C-alpha cells in the first residue's frame, strides 16, 4: 500500500511539473508575442459629402490575438474582402483578430459627417488601432469625391497628389500612426519636404529649415507637418501644426512636440518637456522659468557630463521620461541625487544635491526626506525633521515658530537672531535657508540649538534628540 501511495504521489508531482513547464512555455510565448506586437498598415479613405469610407489593412500581424479599437463614432465595421484570406481571423463582431496564421487582415468602417466640409475640419483619432500595439509604418490613400479641392494633412509625408475631373487623390507614407487628420479649403504650397519634416506655406529660411530638420533627424522623430497660413486660427495636433507664428517660435514648438511624443513626457510636466528639449537640441527651448533652469543646469555640468546627459536621453527614446526619471539621469551623471526637475515642476527651485543615505529620525525611517548639500553645508528640511521629534513648526512673513512642551523658539526671517523661551540669542549668520516652500536648517545649528545627535554611517543618517522628555 505504501508503494502504491508513493507511486501515485510521484505521478502527481510529475504531472504538476509537466503542467508548470507547459504553462510557463505558453506564458513565455505570450510574453514574446506581446513584446513583438508591431504591425504595419495601409489605409484607404474615400471622402464623400456625408461620410468617409475607410478600408483598413493590418499587415505583418503575429499569430496572437489582437483587440481592435475602432474610432469613436464609427459605424458599419465589417470585413473588407480584399482577397479570400483577408478576414480569416476577424471575429463576428469585428472587434478582434483571433489567433491564427494569416498575417494580413482587413476591415472596413464608415465615419459620419454632420455636414459637408466647408472651410476646415479636424478629425480626431479617425482610424482604428490595435490595443497596446503600435504600427511601425502607415500608407494612407485619400480619394476625395466631393470636388472641394483644398489640402489634406495627416502628419505623414506627402508622396504625391493628383487632381482629376471628379476626384482628387493624395498619397501619404511614413513611420508610426496617424493620430489626427485635417482638411482645409485654403491650400498652401509645399515648400519643403523630407523624411522628418514638411513645410507648407510661406517661403522658408534655408538655415532655419536645415537646423530644424537636422534636430528632428537626430531625434529620430516621426514626420511632422507645419502649415503657415495667415487665414486660419492656429491648430496643433500630435504630428502637425497650423500656425501664423514666426518660424523660430514654431521651430521650438515643433521640436518639443516631437520630444513629448517620443519620450512619453506627462502632459502636466511642462518644465520636464522644456528641459529635455533644451538638452537634446543644445539651446534654450522653453519659457522664462524653463530657460533659467536649463542655464543653471548647464552652469554646473562639465562638457563631458553634458554630452553624457544628451546621449543617455537619446538612448531613452520611446520610454517614459518624467521629472523623477530626468532627476535620476542627472544625478547618476553628476554622482549625487537631486530633486531639481521635480521641484521646478512645482515652484522655482535651485539645482541642489542630496544625501542618498537612509534617514532615521526618532527611531523611524523617513521616506523622501531630502537632506541637501550646498556650499559644503548640510541642510535638513526642518518641518520633516523636528515634527517627528515632538515639535510644531509654523511660519509667517516675519518669523519661524518652533515649539514643544518645554521650549518655544522664534527665528527672525529678517535679522540673524532667535528667541528661546523669551531670551534672545544673536547669531553671526542665519542658520537656515528657504528653498522652494520649505525651510532648511544647517546641521551644526540643529546640533547646537536643538541638542540633536546626528550620527552617520555608510548607509544611514540617524537623528535623535538629546533632551529629556522629547519624542523619540
Protein backbone atom coordinates (compact mmCIF):
# COMPACT_ATOMS: atom_id res chain seq x y z
CA UNK A 1 0.00 0.00 0.00
CA UNK A 2 2.89 2.36 0.80
CA UNK A 3 4.45 1.59 -2.60
CA UNK A 4 1.16 2.44 -4.36
CA UNK A 5 0.83 5.67 -2.40
CA UNK A 6 4.38 6.69 -3.25
CA UNK A 7 3.81 5.87 -6.91
CA UNK A 8 0.62 7.98 -7.01
CA UNK A 9 2.40 10.85 -5.27
CA UNK A 10 5.33 10.63 -7.70
CA UNK A 11 2.98 10.66 -10.71
CA UNK A 12 1.15 13.65 -9.27
CA UNK A 13 4.42 15.54 -8.83
CA UNK A 14 5.45 14.69 -12.40
CA UNK A 15 2.07 15.87 -13.74
CA UNK A 16 2.33 19.13 -11.80
CA UNK A 17 5.85 19.68 -13.14
CA UNK A 18 4.74 18.99 -16.72
CA UNK A 19 1.79 21.34 -16.37
CA UNK A 20 4.05 24.03 -14.93
CA UNK A 21 6.50 23.65 -17.82
CA UNK A 22 3.65 23.73 -20.34
CA UNK A 23 2.07 26.90 -18.99
CA UNK A 24 5.46 28.53 -18.46
CA UNK A 25 6.21 27.97 -22.14
CA UNK A 26 2.81 29.39 -23.06
CA UNK A 27 3.44 32.42 -20.87
CA UNK A 28 6.90 32.91 -22.38
CA UNK A 29 5.45 32.64 -25.88
CA UNK A 30 2.69 35.08 -24.98
CA UNK A 31 5.20 37.50 -23.50
CA UNK A 32 7.36 37.24 -26.62
CA UNK A 33 4.34 37.96 -28.82
CA UNK A 34 3.48 40.95 -26.64
CA UNK A 35 7.00 42.31 -26.89
CA UNK A 36 6.92 41.92 -30.68
CA UNK A 37 3.45 43.41 -31.08
CA UNK A 38 4.31 45.66 -34.01
CA UNK A 39 2.47 45.81 -37.31
CA UNK A 40 2.28 47.93 -40.43
CA UNK A 41 -0.88 49.28 -42.00
CA UNK A 42 -2.39 50.64 -45.20
CA UNK A 43 -5.48 52.83 -45.01
CA UNK A 44 -7.75 53.78 -47.90
CA UNK A 45 -10.11 56.71 -47.33
CA UNK A 46 -12.93 57.69 -49.66
CA UNK A 47 -14.27 61.09 -48.70
CA UNK A 48 -17.90 61.79 -49.63
CA UNK A 49 -20.27 64.60 -48.70
CA UNK A 50 -21.94 62.80 -45.78
CA UNK A 51 -19.31 60.32 -44.66
CA UNK A 52 -15.84 58.86 -45.05
CA UNK A 53 -15.48 55.22 -46.04
CA UNK A 54 -12.36 53.59 -44.61
CA UNK A 55 -10.74 50.35 -45.77
CA UNK A 56 -8.09 49.43 -43.25
CA UNK A 57 -5.47 46.75 -43.91
CA UNK A 58 -3.38 45.44 -40.99
CA UNK A 59 -0.18 43.78 -42.17
CA UNK A 60 2.63 41.75 -40.54
CA UNK A 61 0.39 40.60 -37.68
CA UNK A 62 1.84 37.99 -35.37
CA UNK A 63 -0.07 34.79 -34.56
CA UNK A 64 -1.56 36.07 -31.30
CA UNK A 65 -4.93 37.66 -30.66
CA UNK A 66 -5.27 41.38 -31.43
CA UNK A 67 -8.02 43.59 -30.00
CA UNK A 68 -9.35 46.17 -32.47
CA UNK A 69 -10.04 49.68 -31.15
CA UNK A 70 -12.48 51.32 -33.52
CA UNK A 71 -12.64 55.13 -33.75
CA UNK A 72 -15.33 56.80 -31.66
CA UNK A 73 -18.48 57.33 -33.70
CA UNK A 74 -17.50 54.92 -36.47
CA UNK A 75 -20.20 52.68 -37.94
CA UNK A 76 -20.70 49.58 -40.08
CA UNK A 77 -17.48 47.86 -39.03
CA UNK A 78 -17.16 44.66 -41.03
CA UNK A 79 -14.82 42.50 -43.06
CA UNK A 80 -13.28 44.04 -46.15
CA UNK A 81 -12.76 41.15 -48.52
CA UNK A 82 -9.60 42.20 -50.29
CA UNK A 83 -8.90 38.52 -51.01
CA UNK A 84 -10.07 35.15 -49.74
CA UNK A 85 -7.69 35.29 -46.73
CA UNK A 86 -8.20 38.89 -45.63
CA UNK A 87 -10.83 38.15 -42.93
CA UNK A 88 -9.99 34.64 -41.77
CA UNK A 89 -9.09 35.85 -38.25
CA UNK A 90 -11.78 38.53 -37.80
CA UNK A 91 -14.38 37.65 -35.15
CA UNK A 92 -18.12 38.05 -35.70
CA UNK A 93 -18.34 41.47 -34.02
CA UNK A 94 -15.32 42.88 -35.87
CA UNK A 95 -13.70 43.65 -32.52
CA UNK A 96 -10.66 41.36 -32.68
CA UNK A 97 -8.37 39.30 -34.89
CA UNK A 98 -8.22 35.81 -33.40
CA UNK A 99 -5.11 33.66 -33.09
CA UNK A 100 -4.05 32.34 -36.46
CA UNK A 101 -1.56 32.37 -39.31
CA UNK A 102 -2.96 34.99 -41.70
CA UNK A 103 -0.63 37.97 -41.19
CA UNK A 104 -2.72 40.42 -43.28
CA UNK A 105 -6.29 41.17 -42.26
CA UNK A 106 -8.67 43.86 -43.50
CA UNK A 107 -11.74 45.64 -42.15
CA UNK A 108 -13.92 48.50 -43.33
CA UNK A 109 -15.94 51.10 -41.42
CA UNK A 110 -17.53 54.49 -42.01
CA UNK A 111 -17.17 57.84 -40.27
CA UNK A 112 -20.28 60.02 -40.48
CA UNK A 113 -20.08 63.78 -41.01
CA UNK A 114 -22.69 66.20 -39.72
CA UNK A 115 -22.26 68.35 -42.81
CA UNK A 116 -20.12 68.70 -45.89
CA UNK A 117 -16.64 70.14 -45.46
CA UNK A 118 -16.65 73.93 -45.73
CA UNK A 119 -13.53 75.82 -44.63
CA UNK A 120 -11.57 73.44 -42.36
CA UNK A 121 -12.08 70.24 -40.36
CA UNK A 122 -10.05 68.27 -37.82
CA UNK A 123 -10.81 64.54 -37.47
CA UNK A 124 -9.55 63.39 -34.07
CA UNK A 125 -8.22 59.79 -33.91
CA UNK A 126 -10.13 58.84 -37.10
CA UNK A 127 -8.65 55.40 -37.70
CA UNK A 128 -8.78 52.01 -35.98
CA UNK A 129 -5.83 50.72 -33.98
CA UNK A 130 -4.81 47.57 -32.13
CA UNK A 131 -4.93 47.76 -28.35
CA UNK A 132 -1.48 48.16 -26.72
CA UNK A 133 0.24 47.93 -30.12
CA UNK A 134 1.80 50.49 -32.42
CA UNK A 135 2.21 50.49 -36.20
CA UNK A 136 5.76 50.73 -37.47
CA UNK A 137 4.62 52.37 -40.70
CA UNK A 138 1.49 53.67 -42.41
CA UNK A 139 0.48 54.16 -46.04
CA UNK A 140 -2.53 56.44 -46.41
CA UNK A 141 -4.61 56.91 -49.57
CA UNK A 142 -7.22 59.68 -49.66
CA UNK A 143 -9.67 59.81 -52.55
CA UNK A 144 -11.87 62.92 -52.29
CA UNK A 145 -15.10 62.68 -54.28
CA UNK A 146 -16.59 66.00 -53.04
CA UNK A 147 -14.76 68.26 -55.50
CA UNK A 148 -13.87 70.58 -52.59
CA UNK A 149 -10.21 70.89 -53.58
CA UNK A 150 -8.24 72.21 -50.61
CA UNK A 151 -5.48 70.24 -48.85
CA UNK A 152 -5.25 67.21 -46.54
CA UNK A 153 -2.69 66.98 -43.70
CA UNK A 154 -2.01 63.70 -41.87
CA UNK A 155 1.42 64.09 -40.26
CA UNK A 156 2.79 61.59 -42.79
CA UNK A 157 4.97 62.72 -45.68
CA UNK A 158 3.03 63.55 -48.84
CA UNK A 159 4.26 61.28 -51.63
CA UNK A 160 2.10 62.82 -54.32
CA UNK A 161 -1.33 64.10 -55.30
CA UNK A 162 -3.40 64.35 -58.46
CA UNK A 163 -6.49 66.36 -59.37
CA UNK A 164 -8.92 64.86 -61.87
CA UNK A 165 -12.32 65.94 -63.18
CA UNK A 166 -14.42 64.34 -60.45
CA UNK A 167 -11.96 63.32 -57.75
CA UNK A 168 -8.72 64.32 -56.04
CA UNK A 169 -6.23 61.73 -54.88
CA UNK A 170 -3.42 62.10 -52.29
CA UNK A 171 -0.89 59.51 -51.13
CA UNK A 172 0.95 59.75 -47.79
CA UNK A 173 3.56 57.45 -46.31
CA UNK A 174 5.69 57.33 -43.18
CA UNK A 175 6.51 55.85 -39.79
CA UNK A 176 4.06 55.46 -36.94
CA UNK A 177 0.36 56.13 -36.52
CA UNK A 178 -1.92 58.78 -37.99
CA UNK A 179 -3.21 60.35 -34.81
CA UNK A 180 -5.37 63.03 -36.49
CA UNK A 181 -6.48 64.01 -39.97
CA UNK A 182 -7.01 67.60 -41.12
CA UNK A 183 -8.50 69.31 -44.17
CA UNK A 184 -8.67 72.98 -45.10
CA UNK A 185 -10.00 74.67 -48.20
CA UNK A 186 -7.17 77.21 -48.39
CA UNK A 187 -4.47 75.06 -49.97
CA UNK A 188 -0.87 76.07 -49.26
CA UNK A 189 2.08 75.13 -51.48
CA UNK A 190 4.55 72.53 -50.26
CA UNK A 191 7.79 74.49 -49.83
CA UNK A 192 9.95 71.86 -48.10
CA UNK A 193 9.72 68.10 -47.64
CA UNK A 194 11.97 65.47 -46.06
CA UNK A 195 11.61 62.22 -44.13
CA UNK A 196 11.06 64.07 -40.85
CA UNK A 197 9.56 67.44 -41.81
CA UNK A 198 7.28 69.05 -44.38
CA UNK A 199 6.55 72.78 -44.55
CA UNK A 200 3.57 74.26 -46.34
CA UNK A 201 3.03 77.96 -46.91
CA UNK A 202 5.28 80.99 -46.94
CA UNK A 203 8.81 80.92 -48.27
CA UNK A 204 11.18 79.48 -45.69
CA UNK A 205 14.59 80.50 -44.42
CA UNK A 206 17.11 77.87 -45.52
CA UNK A 207 19.19 77.96 -42.32
CA UNK A 208 16.07 77.76 -40.16
CA UNK A 209 14.75 74.73 -42.04
CA UNK A 210 18.09 72.92 -42.01
CA UNK A 211 18.54 73.35 -38.25
CA UNK A 212 15.04 72.11 -37.54
CA UNK A 213 15.28 69.16 -39.95
CA UNK A 214 18.70 68.15 -38.56
CA UNK A 215 17.40 68.14 -34.99
CA UNK A 216 14.31 66.11 -35.91
CA UNK A 217 16.52 63.64 -37.76
CA UNK A 218 18.89 63.32 -34.80
CA UNK A 219 15.89 62.71 -32.55
CA UNK A 220 14.64 60.05 -35.00
CA UNK A 221 11.29 61.82 -34.79
CA UNK A 222 8.30 60.73 -36.80
CA UNK A 223 7.43 63.06 -39.66
CA UNK A 224 5.79 66.38 -38.71
CA UNK A 225 3.83 68.82 -40.92
CA UNK A 226 3.97 72.59 -40.45
CA UNK A 227 1.43 74.76 -42.27
CA UNK A 228 1.98 78.55 -42.28
CA UNK A 229 -1.40 80.09 -43.03
CA UNK A 230 -2.44 83.59 -42.02
CA UNK A 231 -6.10 82.99 -42.90
CA UNK A 232 -6.80 80.31 -40.27
CA UNK A 233 -6.55 80.17 -36.49
CA UNK A 234 -3.66 78.21 -35.02
CA UNK A 235 -4.27 74.50 -34.51
CA UNK A 236 -1.97 71.88 -33.04
CA UNK A 237 -2.02 68.10 -33.17
CA UNK A 238 0.47 65.39 -32.27
CA UNK A 239 2.04 65.40 -35.73
CA UNK A 240 1.20 68.74 -37.32
CA UNK A 241 0.81 72.46 -36.64
CA UNK A 242 -1.30 75.04 -38.42
CA UNK A 243 0.23 78.33 -37.42
CA UNK A 244 0.61 82.03 -38.13
CA UNK A 245 3.61 82.37 -35.80
CA UNK A 246 7.16 83.30 -36.66
CA UNK A 247 9.42 80.49 -37.74
CA UNK A 248 11.80 80.48 -34.76
CA UNK A 249 8.99 80.13 -32.18
CA UNK A 250 7.32 77.43 -34.27
CA UNK A 251 10.63 75.62 -34.56
CA UNK A 252 10.88 75.23 -30.78
CA UNK A 253 7.23 74.15 -30.55
CA UNK A 254 7.75 71.57 -33.30
CA UNK A 255 10.83 70.02 -31.72
CA UNK A 256 9.15 70.00 -28.30
CA UNK A 257 6.15 68.25 -29.85
CA UNK A 258 8.38 65.53 -31.31
CA UNK A 259 10.15 65.08 -27.99
CA UNK A 260 6.91 64.89 -25.98
CA UNK A 261 5.63 62.16 -28.29
CA UNK A 262 8.76 60.05 -28.37
CA UNK A 263 9.71 60.38 -24.72
CA UNK A 264 6.20 59.98 -23.28
CA UNK A 265 6.54 63.01 -21.03
CA UNK A 266 3.47 63.59 -18.81
CA UNK A 267 1.24 66.36 -20.14
CA UNK A 268 1.35 68.27 -16.83
CA UNK A 269 5.17 68.44 -16.71
CA UNK A 270 5.98 71.39 -18.95
CA UNK A 271 9.35 72.00 -17.25
CA UNK A 272 10.39 68.40 -17.91
CA UNK A 273 9.45 68.70 -21.59
CA UNK A 274 11.30 72.00 -21.96
CA UNK A 275 14.43 70.70 -20.22
CA UNK A 276 14.55 67.51 -22.28
CA UNK A 277 14.09 69.58 -25.45
CA UNK A 278 16.81 72.05 -24.45
CA UNK A 279 19.26 69.29 -23.54
CA UNK A 280 18.72 67.41 -26.81
CA UNK A 281 18.96 70.41 -29.14
CA UNK A 282 21.62 72.18 -27.10
CA UNK A 283 19.87 75.50 -26.55
CA UNK A 284 17.07 77.10 -24.55
CA UNK A 285 13.68 75.88 -25.75
CA UNK A 286 11.07 76.99 -23.26
CA UNK A 287 9.63 79.79 -21.20
CA UNK A 288 11.48 82.07 -18.79
CA UNK A 289 11.38 79.59 -15.90
CA UNK A 290 12.45 76.61 -18.04
CA UNK A 291 15.27 78.55 -19.65
CA UNK A 292 16.57 79.67 -16.24
CA UNK A 293 16.54 76.06 -15.01
CA UNK A 294 18.39 74.91 -18.14
CA UNK A 295 21.01 77.65 -17.76
CA UNK A 296 21.55 76.69 -14.12
CA UNK A 297 22.00 73.03 -15.06
CA UNK A 298 24.46 73.83 -17.86
CA UNK A 299 26.48 76.05 -15.50
CA UNK A 300 27.11 73.03 -13.24
CA UNK A 301 27.73 70.31 -15.84
CA UNK A 302 31.15 69.87 -17.42
CA UNK A 303 31.32 69.47 -21.23
CA UNK A 304 31.76 65.70 -20.91
CA UNK A 305 28.82 65.47 -18.49
CA UNK A 306 26.68 67.49 -20.91
CA UNK A 307 27.46 65.02 -23.70
CA UNK A 308 26.73 62.09 -21.38
CA UNK A 309 23.38 63.60 -20.38
CA UNK A 310 22.37 64.11 -24.00
CA UNK A 311 23.47 60.60 -25.01
CA UNK A 312 21.61 59.00 -22.10
CA UNK A 313 18.40 60.81 -23.04
CA UNK A 314 18.76 59.83 -26.68
CA UNK A 315 19.02 56.19 -25.57
CA UNK A 316 15.74 56.54 -23.66
CA UNK A 317 13.75 57.40 -26.79
CA UNK A 318 10.43 55.56 -26.69
CA UNK A 319 10.44 55.33 -22.88
CA UNK A 320 8.55 57.35 -20.31
CA UNK A 321 10.64 60.28 -19.13
CA UNK A 322 9.04 62.16 -16.25
CA UNK A 323 10.59 64.55 -13.74
CA UNK A 324 11.78 61.74 -11.47
CA UNK A 325 13.43 59.97 -14.41
CA UNK A 326 15.25 63.10 -15.54
CA UNK A 327 16.38 63.78 -11.96
CA UNK A 328 17.73 60.25 -11.82
CA UNK A 329 19.67 60.68 -15.07
CA UNK A 330 21.17 64.00 -13.93
CA UNK A 331 22.04 62.54 -10.52
CA UNK A 332 23.71 59.44 -11.98
CA UNK A 333 25.89 61.56 -14.27
CA UNK A 334 26.93 64.00 -11.54
CA UNK A 335 27.18 61.28 -8.89
CA UNK A 336 24.75 62.88 -6.43
CA UNK A 337 21.00 62.71 -6.03
CA UNK A 338 18.76 65.66 -6.88
CA UNK A 339 15.09 66.69 -6.98
CA UNK A 340 15.80 69.64 -9.26
CA UNK A 341 13.31 68.81 -12.03
CA UNK A 342 10.57 67.56 -9.70
CA UNK A 343 10.78 70.68 -7.56
CA UNK A 344 10.81 73.04 -10.54
CA UNK A 345 7.63 71.48 -11.89
CA UNK A 346 6.05 72.74 -8.65
CA UNK A 347 7.88 76.01 -7.91
CA UNK A 348 11.14 77.85 -8.61
CA UNK A 349 13.95 75.77 -7.08
CA UNK A 350 17.76 75.87 -7.34
CA UNK A 351 19.96 72.99 -8.51
CA UNK A 352 20.91 71.24 -5.27
CA UNK A 353 22.28 67.81 -4.49
CA UNK A 354 21.01 65.42 -1.86
CA UNK A 355 22.18 62.76 0.52
CA UNK A 356 21.44 59.28 -0.79
CA UNK A 357 21.64 57.61 2.64
CA UNK A 358 18.56 56.38 4.50
CA UNK A 359 17.41 58.86 7.15
CA UNK A 360 16.13 57.68 10.55
CA UNK A 361 14.50 60.29 12.81
CA UNK A 362 13.42 59.40 16.34
CA UNK A 363 13.89 55.69 15.60
CA UNK A 364 11.75 55.66 12.43
CA UNK A 365 12.85 55.67 8.80
CA UNK A 366 11.60 58.75 6.96
CA UNK A 367 10.90 58.37 3.25
CA UNK A 368 11.55 61.27 0.86
CA UNK A 369 13.43 63.38 3.37
CA UNK A 370 15.84 65.34 1.19
CA UNK A 371 18.97 66.32 3.07
CA UNK A 372 20.70 68.91 0.88
CA UNK A 373 24.39 69.51 0.37
CA UNK A 374 25.08 73.12 -0.60
CA UNK A 375 28.36 75.06 -0.50
CA UNK A 376 29.93 72.42 1.78
CA UNK A 377 27.00 72.73 4.19
CA UNK A 378 24.47 70.02 5.04
CA UNK A 379 20.89 71.28 5.32
CA UNK A 380 17.85 69.47 6.76
CA UNK A 381 14.16 70.23 5.99
CA UNK A 382 13.12 71.45 9.39
CA UNK A 383 9.45 70.56 9.14
CA UNK A 384 10.13 66.91 8.31
CA UNK A 385 12.80 66.51 11.00
CA UNK A 386 11.56 68.41 14.05
CA UNK A 387 7.89 67.46 13.76
CA UNK A 388 8.99 63.86 14.16
CA UNK A 389 10.74 64.79 17.40
CA UNK A 390 7.67 66.34 19.02
CA UNK A 391 7.90 69.94 17.79
CA UNK A 392 5.29 72.02 16.00
CA UNK A 393 6.60 74.19 13.17
CA UNK A 394 4.87 77.22 11.65
CA UNK A 395 5.89 80.41 9.87
CA UNK A 396 4.63 83.78 8.67
CA UNK A 397 6.32 86.51 6.64
CA UNK A 398 8.45 87.61 9.61
CA UNK A 399 9.38 84.56 11.71
CA UNK A 400 9.60 80.80 12.02
CA UNK A 401 7.99 79.38 15.19
CA UNK A 402 9.17 76.04 16.60
CA UNK A 403 7.60 74.80 19.82
CA UNK A 404 7.16 71.73 22.04
CA UNK A 405 6.05 71.21 25.64
CA UNK A 406 9.34 72.55 27.06
CA UNK A 407 10.66 75.14 24.59
CA UNK A 408 9.38 77.93 22.43
CA UNK A 409 11.68 79.24 19.73
CA UNK A 410 11.21 82.08 17.25
CA UNK A 411 13.67 82.64 14.40
CA UNK A 412 13.63 86.02 12.67
CA UNK A 413 13.38 85.97 8.87
CA UNK A 414 14.89 89.45 8.70
CA UNK A 415 17.82 89.52 11.11
CA UNK A 416 20.23 86.82 12.37
CA UNK A 417 18.81 86.10 15.82
CA UNK A 418 16.41 83.75 17.56
CA UNK A 419 14.42 83.84 20.81
CA UNK A 420 14.36 80.79 23.10
CA UNK A 421 11.83 80.97 25.94
CA UNK A 422 11.86 84.80 25.81
CA UNK A 423 15.68 85.04 25.81
CA UNK A 424 17.26 86.48 22.69
CA UNK A 425 20.39 85.00 21.07
CA UNK A 426 22.28 86.87 18.36
CA UNK A 427 23.83 84.88 15.50
CA UNK A 428 26.65 85.76 13.15
CA UNK A 429 24.59 84.47 10.21
CA UNK A 430 21.23 82.87 9.65
CA UNK A 431 21.20 79.12 10.47
CA UNK A 432 18.59 78.35 7.82
CA UNK A 433 17.68 78.90 4.17
CA UNK A 434 14.39 78.91 2.36
CA UNK A 435 14.28 76.72 -0.75
CA UNK A 436 11.01 76.47 -2.58
CA UNK A 437 8.30 76.38 0.07
CA UNK A 438 10.45 74.75 2.78
CA UNK A 439 12.97 76.00 5.36
CA UNK A 440 16.21 74.06 5.71
CA UNK A 441 18.39 74.28 8.86
CA UNK A 442 22.13 73.75 8.88
CA UNK A 443 23.35 70.54 10.53
CA UNK A 444 25.55 72.30 13.13
CA UNK A 445 22.63 74.56 14.12
CA UNK A 446 20.41 71.53 14.74
CA UNK A 447 23.07 70.03 16.99
CA UNK A 448 23.75 73.27 18.89
CA UNK A 449 20.33 74.91 19.19
CA UNK A 450 18.07 71.85 19.37
CA UNK A 451 20.59 69.47 21.01
CA UNK A 452 20.20 66.79 18.35
CA UNK A 453 22.51 63.85 17.90
CA UNK A 454 23.26 63.23 14.20
CA UNK A 455 25.17 60.01 13.62
CA UNK A 456 26.28 58.90 10.14
CA UNK A 457 27.26 55.51 8.79
CA UNK A 458 27.91 54.33 5.24
CA UNK A 459 24.20 53.76 4.60
CA UNK A 460 22.30 55.65 7.28
CA UNK A 461 21.93 59.06 8.92
CA UNK A 462 20.34 58.76 12.38
CA UNK A 463 18.82 61.82 14.09
CA UNK A 464 17.77 61.73 17.75
CA UNK A 465 17.13 64.28 20.49
CA UNK A 466 19.42 64.51 23.49
CA UNK A 467 16.82 66.41 25.52
CA UNK A 468 14.91 64.54 28.21
CA UNK A 469 11.21 64.16 27.54
CA UNK A 470 11.46 64.71 23.82
CA UNK A 471 9.64 62.41 21.43
CA UNK A 472 11.85 59.51 20.30
